[in-house]
Amino acid sequence: MNPRQDSDPGLTRLEGHLLWAAEIEEARRRADRFTGELPWLTTAQREEVERVYRADRIAASRAALVRICDRVTELRAEYETRYRRLRARCVALAVLALASGVGTALTAVLTRP
């Protein structure tokens, strides 16, 4: 059992969690900065605008991540298909080259006087 292989999925999940937490914090900072430009808002209005702004920003980030994940899945399938085709071609070419070499050698042996 390889400890690195065991820890890779956990580290990936942790990284994703930290990135998402950073995105939420960025949404909070932007909401605060946005409402800072609106000094006439009451405290309740400010809190509501910040809540709506954060929710919108988080929804937009989530939608972008879903699009990215979908595209990654599509690309993975595309590249796996291309790799299988390329591998099949390489194997076929190697078999053909080997058969040609064997055929040439047999012909040379059989046609010797």
N, C-alpha and C. Protein backbone atom coordinates (compact mmCIF):
# COMPACT_ATOMS: atom_id res chain seq x y z
N MET A 1 0.84 -1.18 0.00
CA MET A 1 0.00 0.00 0.00
C MET A 1 0.89 1.25 0.00
N ASN A 2 0.62 2.17 -0.90
CA ASN A 2 1.41 3.38 -1.05
C ASN A 2 0.73 4.53 -0.30
N PRO A 3 1.38 5.10 0.72
CA PRO A 3 0.76 6.19 1.48
C PRO A 3 0.41 7.39 0.61
N ARG A 4 1.22 7.65 -0.41
CA ARG A 4 0.93 8.80 -1.29
C ARG A 4 -0.38 8.60 -2.04
N GLN A 5 -0.61 7.38 -2.55
CA GLN A 5 -1.86 7.10 -3.26
C GLN A 5 -3.04 7.22 -2.33
N ASP A 6 -2.88 6.82 -1.07
CA ASP A 6 -3.97 6.92 -0.10
C ASP A 6 -4.29 8.37 0.24
N SER A 7 -3.27 9.23 0.26
CA SER A 7 -3.49 10.61 0.67
C SER A 7 -3.91 11.52 -0.47
N ASP A 8 -3.66 11.15 -1.73
CA ASP A 8 -3.99 12.01 -2.86
C ASP A 8 -5.46 12.42 -2.91
N PRO A 9 -6.42 11.49 -2.80
CA PRO A 9 -7.83 11.91 -2.84
C PRO A 9 -8.18 12.84 -1.68
N GLY A 10 -7.64 12.57 -0.51
CA GLY A 10 -7.90 13.42 0.64
C GLY A 10 -7.34 14.82 0.45
N LEU A 11 -6.13 14.88 -0.10
CA LEU A 11 -5.53 16.20 -0.36
C LEU A 11 -6.31 16.96 -1.42
N THR A 12 -6.80 16.25 -2.41
CA THR A 12 -7.59 16.90 -3.46
C THR A 12 -8.87 17.47 -2.88
N ARG A 13 -9.54 16.69 -2.01
CA ARG A 13 -10.76 17.18 -1.37
C ARG A 13 -10.47 18.39 -0.48
N LEU A 14 -9.37 18.32 0.26
CA LEU A 14 -8.98 19.43 1.14
C LEU A 14 -8.69 20.68 0.31
N GLU A 15 -7.98 20.51 -0.78
CA GLU A 15 -7.68 21.65 -1.66
C GLU A 15 -8.97 22.26 -2.20
N GLY A 16 -9.90 21.41 -2.62
CA GLY A 16 -11.19 21.91 -3.12
C GLY A 16 -11.94 22.67 -2.05
N HIS A 17 -11.92 22.13 -0.84
CA HIS A 17 -12.61 22.80 0.27
C HIS A 17 -11.98 24.17 0.54
N LEU A 18 -10.66 24.22 0.56
CA LEU A 18 -9.98 25.50 0.82
C LEU A 18 -10.23 26.51 -0.30
N LEU A 19 -10.23 26.04 -1.54
CA LEU A 19 -10.50 26.95 -2.66
C LEU A 19 -11.93 27.50 -2.58
N TRP A 20 -12.88 26.63 -2.22
CA TRP A 20 -14.27 27.09 -2.11
C TRP A 20 -14.41 28.06 -0.94
N ALA A 21 -13.75 27.80 0.18
CA ALA A 21 -13.79 28.72 1.32
C ALA A 21 -13.21 30.08 0.93
N ALA A 22 -12.14 30.06 0.14
CA ALA A 22 -11.55 31.32 -0.33
C ALA A 22 -12.51 32.07 -1.25
N GLU A 23 -13.25 31.34 -2.07
CA GLU A 23 -14.23 31.97 -2.96
C GLU A 23 -15.36 32.61 -2.16
N ILE A 24 -15.80 31.95 -1.11
CA ILE A 24 -16.85 32.52 -0.26
C ILE A 24 -16.34 33.76 0.46
N GLU A 25 -15.10 33.71 0.93
CA GLU A 25 -14.51 34.88 1.59
C GLU A 25 -14.37 36.03 0.60
N GLU A 26 -13.99 35.74 -0.63
CA GLU A 26 -13.89 36.79 -1.66
C GLU A 26 -15.26 37.41 -1.94
N ALA A 27 -16.29 36.60 -1.97
CA ALA A 27 -17.65 37.10 -2.17
C ALA A 27 -18.04 38.03 -1.02
N ARG A 28 -17.67 37.65 0.19
CA ARG A 28 -17.96 38.50 1.36
C ARG A 28 -17.22 39.84 1.27
N ARG A 29 -15.94 39.79 0.89
CA ARG A 29 -15.16 41.04 0.76
C ARG A 29 -15.75 41.95 -0.32
N ARG A 30 -16.12 41.36 -1.45
CA ARG A 30 -16.68 42.17 -2.54
C ARG A 30 -18.02 42.78 -2.14
N ALA A 31 -18.82 42.01 -1.43
CA ALA A 31 -20.11 42.53 -0.97
C ALA A 31 -19.89 43.69 -0.02
N ASP A 32 -18.94 43.54 0.87
CA ASP A 32 -18.63 44.61 1.82
C ASP A 32 -18.13 45.85 1.10
N ARG A 33 -17.26 45.65 0.12
CA ARG A 33 -16.73 46.78 -0.66
C ARG A 33 -17.85 47.46 -1.44
N PHE A 34 -18.76 46.66 -2.02
CA PHE A 34 -19.88 47.20 -2.79
C PHE A 34 -20.78 48.06 -1.90
N THR A 35 -21.15 47.54 -0.75
CA THR A 35 -22.04 48.31 0.12
C THR A 35 -21.32 49.50 0.74
N GLY A 36 -20.00 49.44 0.80
CA GLY A 36 -19.23 50.58 1.28
C GLY A 36 -19.38 51.79 0.38
N GLU A 37 -19.70 51.54 -0.88
CA GLU A 37 -19.91 52.62 -1.85
C GLU A 37 -21.32 53.21 -1.75
N LEU A 38 -22.14 52.67 -0.87
CA LEU A 38 -23.52 53.11 -0.71
C LEU A 38 -23.75 53.55 0.74
N PRO A 39 -23.17 54.69 1.14
CA PRO A 39 -23.20 55.09 2.56
C PRO A 39 -24.61 55.45 3.06
N TRP A 40 -25.54 55.69 2.19
CA TRP A 40 -26.88 56.08 2.61
C TRP A 40 -27.75 54.91 3.05
N LEU A 41 -27.26 53.68 2.85
CA LEU A 41 -28.05 52.52 3.26
C LEU A 41 -28.15 52.43 4.78
N THR A 42 -29.30 52.01 5.25
CA THR A 42 -29.43 51.73 6.68
C THR A 42 -28.69 50.43 6.97
N THR A 43 -28.50 50.12 8.23
CA THR A 43 -27.81 48.89 8.60
C THR A 43 -28.54 47.67 8.04
N ALA A 44 -29.86 47.64 8.17
CA ALA A 44 -30.65 46.51 7.67
C ALA A 44 -30.55 46.41 6.16
N GLN A 45 -30.60 47.56 5.47
CA GLN A 45 -30.49 47.55 4.01
C GLN A 45 -29.10 47.06 3.58
N ARG A 46 -28.11 47.54 4.29
CA ARG A 46 -26.73 47.14 3.97
C ARG A 46 -26.57 45.63 4.12
N GLU A 47 -27.06 45.09 5.22
CA GLU A 47 -26.97 43.65 5.45
C GLU A 47 -27.70 42.86 4.36
N GLU A 48 -28.87 43.36 3.95
CA GLU A 48 -29.64 42.67 2.91
C GLU A 48 -28.92 42.72 1.56
N VAL A 49 -28.38 43.88 1.22
CA VAL A 49 -27.65 44.00 -0.05
C VAL A 49 -26.43 43.10 -0.04
N GLU A 50 -25.72 43.06 1.08
CA GLU A 50 -24.55 42.18 1.18
C GLU A 50 -24.96 40.72 1.03
N ARG A 51 -26.05 40.32 1.68
CA ARG A 51 -26.52 38.94 1.59
C ARG A 51 -26.87 38.57 0.15
N VAL A 52 -27.60 39.47 -0.54
CA VAL A 52 -28.00 39.21 -1.93
C VAL A 52 -26.77 39.17 -2.83
N TYR A 53 -25.84 40.11 -2.63
CA TYR A 53 -24.63 40.16 -3.44
C TYR A 53 -23.81 38.88 -3.26
N ARG A 54 -23.62 38.48 -1.99
CA ARG A 54 -22.87 37.25 -1.72
C ARG A 54 -23.53 36.03 -2.36
N ALA A 55 -24.84 35.94 -2.21
CA ALA A 55 -25.57 34.80 -2.78
C ALA A 55 -25.42 34.77 -4.30
N ASP A 56 -25.50 35.94 -4.93
CA ASP A 56 -25.37 36.00 -6.39
C ASP A 56 -23.96 35.60 -6.81
N ARG A 57 -22.97 36.10 -6.13
CA ARG A 57 -21.57 35.79 -6.45
C ARG A 57 -21.29 34.30 -6.27
N ILE A 58 -21.79 33.72 -5.18
CA ILE A 58 -21.58 32.31 -4.91
C ILE A 58 -22.29 31.46 -5.96
N ALA A 59 -23.50 31.85 -6.33
CA ALA A 59 -24.24 31.11 -7.36
C ALA A 59 -23.49 31.16 -8.70
N ALA A 60 -22.94 32.33 -9.03
CA ALA A 60 -22.18 32.47 -10.28
C ALA A 60 -20.92 31.60 -10.23
N SER A 61 -20.25 31.58 -9.10
CA SER A 61 -19.04 30.75 -8.96
C SER A 61 -19.40 29.28 -9.07
N ARG A 62 -20.47 28.87 -8.43
CA ARG A 62 -20.89 27.47 -8.49
C ARG A 62 -21.22 27.07 -9.93
N ALA A 63 -21.93 27.95 -10.65
CA ALA A 63 -22.28 27.67 -12.05
C ALA A 63 -21.02 27.55 -12.91
N ALA A 64 -20.05 28.42 -12.66
CA ALA A 64 -18.80 28.35 -13.42
C ALA A 64 -18.07 27.04 -13.13
N LEU A 65 -18.05 26.63 -11.87
CA LEU A 65 -17.39 25.37 -11.52
C LEU A 65 -18.08 24.17 -12.16
N VAL A 66 -19.40 24.20 -12.20
CA VAL A 66 -20.14 23.11 -12.84
C VAL A 66 -19.79 23.04 -14.33
N ARG A 67 -19.74 24.22 -14.99
CA ARG A 67 -19.38 24.24 -16.41
C ARG A 67 -17.97 23.70 -16.62
N ILE A 68 -17.05 24.10 -15.75
CA ILE A 68 -15.66 23.64 -15.86
C ILE A 68 -15.59 22.13 -15.65
N CYS A 69 -16.28 21.63 -14.64
CA CYS A 69 -16.27 20.17 -14.37
C CYS A 69 -16.85 19.40 -15.54
N ASP A 70 -17.94 19.91 -16.10
CA ASP A 70 -18.54 19.25 -17.27
C ASP A 70 -17.56 19.22 -18.43
N ARG A 71 -16.88 20.33 -18.66
CA ARG A 71 -15.93 20.40 -19.77
C ARG A 71 -14.74 19.47 -19.53
N VAL A 72 -14.27 19.41 -18.30
CA VAL A 72 -13.16 18.51 -17.97
C VAL A 72 -13.56 17.06 -18.26
N THR A 73 -14.78 16.70 -17.89
CA THR A 73 -15.27 15.35 -18.15
C THR A 73 -15.31 15.08 -19.65
N GLU A 74 -15.80 16.04 -20.43
CA GLU A 74 -15.85 15.89 -21.89
C GLU A 74 -14.45 15.72 -22.46
N LEU A 75 -13.53 16.58 -22.02
CA LEU A 75 -12.16 16.51 -22.53
C LEU A 75 -11.49 15.19 -22.15
N ARG A 76 -11.72 14.73 -20.92
CA ARG A 76 -11.14 13.46 -20.50
C ARG A 76 -11.61 12.34 -21.41
N ALA A 77 -12.91 12.31 -21.71
CA ALA A 77 -13.45 11.26 -22.59
C ALA A 77 -12.84 11.39 -23.98
N GLU A 78 -12.74 12.62 -24.49
CA GLU A 78 -12.13 12.83 -25.81
C GLU A 78 -10.70 12.33 -25.86
N TYR A 79 -9.90 12.73 -24.86
CA TYR A 79 -8.49 12.36 -24.86
C TYR A 79 -8.31 10.87 -24.63
N GLU A 80 -9.15 10.24 -23.83
CA GLU A 80 -9.05 8.80 -23.64
C GLU A 80 -9.35 8.07 -24.95
N THR A 81 -10.35 8.55 -25.70
CA THR A 81 -10.67 7.95 -27.00
C THR A 81 -9.51 8.12 -27.96
N ARG A 82 -8.95 9.33 -28.01
CA ARG A 82 -7.81 9.56 -28.90
C ARG A 82 -6.62 8.70 -28.51
N TYR A 83 -6.38 8.55 -27.22
CA TYR A 83 -5.26 7.74 -26.75
C TYR A 83 -5.45 6.28 -27.15
N ARG A 84 -6.66 5.76 -26.97
CA ARG A 84 -6.92 4.36 -27.36
C ARG A 84 -6.69 4.16 -28.85
N ARG A 85 -7.16 5.11 -29.67
CA ARG A 85 -6.95 5.00 -31.12
C ARG A 85 -5.47 5.04 -31.46
N LEU A 86 -4.76 5.97 -30.87
CA LEU A 86 -3.32 6.10 -31.14
C LEU A 86 -2.58 4.85 -30.69
N ARG A 87 -2.94 4.33 -29.53
CA ARG A 87 -2.30 3.11 -29.05
C ARG A 87 -2.58 1.94 -30.00
N ALA A 88 -3.81 1.82 -30.48
CA ALA A 88 -4.15 0.74 -31.41
C ALA A 88 -3.36 0.88 -32.71
N ARG A 89 -3.23 2.12 -33.19
CA ARG A 89 -2.44 2.35 -34.42
C ARG A 89 -0.98 1.97 -34.20
N CYS A 90 -0.43 2.36 -33.07
CA CYS A 90 0.98 2.05 -32.79
C CYS A 90 1.20 0.55 -32.68
N VAL A 91 0.29 -0.14 -32.02
CA VAL A 91 0.41 -1.60 -31.92
C VAL A 91 0.30 -2.22 -33.30
N ALA A 92 -0.67 -1.76 -34.09
CA ALA A 92 -0.84 -2.31 -35.45
C ALA A 92 0.40 -2.05 -36.29
N LEU A 93 0.95 -0.86 -36.18
CA LEU A 93 2.16 -0.53 -36.93
C LEU A 93 3.34 -1.39 -36.48
N ALA A 94 3.47 -1.61 -35.18
CA ALA A 94 4.55 -2.46 -34.66
C ALA A 94 4.39 -3.90 -35.15
N VAL A 95 3.16 -4.41 -35.11
CA VAL A 95 2.90 -5.77 -35.59
C VAL A 95 3.21 -5.86 -37.08
N LEU A 96 2.79 -4.86 -37.84
CA LEU A 96 3.05 -4.84 -39.28
C LEU A 96 4.55 -4.79 -39.56
N ALA A 97 5.27 -3.95 -38.82
CA ALA A 97 6.72 -3.86 -39.02
C ALA A 97 7.40 -5.17 -38.65
N LEU A 98 6.96 -5.77 -37.57
CA LEU A 98 7.53 -7.06 -37.16
C LEU A 98 7.24 -8.14 -38.20
N ALA A 99 6.02 -8.20 -38.67
CA ALA A 99 5.64 -9.19 -39.68
C ALA A 99 6.42 -8.97 -40.97
N SER A 100 6.60 -7.71 -41.34
CA SER A 100 7.36 -7.40 -42.55
C SER A 100 8.81 -7.83 -42.40
N GLY A 101 9.37 -7.56 -41.24
CA GLY A 101 10.77 -7.97 -40.99
C GLY A 101 10.92 -9.47 -40.99
N VAL A 102 9.99 -10.16 -40.36
CA VAL A 102 10.03 -11.63 -40.34
C VAL A 102 9.85 -12.17 -41.75
N GLY A 103 8.92 -11.59 -42.49
CA GLY A 103 8.68 -12.03 -43.87
C GLY A 103 9.90 -11.83 -44.73
N THR A 104 10.56 -10.71 -44.60
CA THR A 104 11.78 -10.43 -45.36
C THR A 104 12.88 -11.42 -44.98
N ALA A 105 13.03 -11.69 -43.71
CA ALA A 105 14.07 -12.62 -43.26
C ALA A 105 13.77 -14.03 -43.76
N LEU A 106 12.51 -14.45 -43.71
CA LEU A 106 12.15 -15.79 -44.21
C LEU A 106 12.39 -15.90 -45.69
N THR A 107 12.04 -14.85 -46.41
CA THR A 107 12.24 -14.85 -47.86
C THR A 107 13.73 -14.98 -48.17
N ALA A 108 14.53 -14.24 -47.42
CA ALA A 108 15.99 -14.31 -47.64
C ALA A 108 16.53 -15.69 -47.33
N VAL A 109 16.04 -16.31 -46.28
CA VAL A 109 16.51 -17.64 -45.90
C VAL A 109 16.04 -18.67 -46.94
N LEU A 110 14.82 -18.59 -47.36
CA LEU A 110 14.24 -19.58 -48.26
C LEU A 110 14.77 -19.45 -49.70
N THR A 111 15.20 -18.30 -50.09
CA THR A 111 15.68 -18.11 -51.47
C THR A 111 17.18 -18.24 -51.59
N ARG A 112 17.86 -18.67 -50.56
CA ARG A 112 19.30 -18.87 -50.61
C ARG A 112 19.61 -20.10 -51.48
N PRO A 113 20.61 -19.95 -52.24
CA PRO A 113 20.99 -21.12 -53.07
C PRO A 113 21.59 -22.27 -52.31
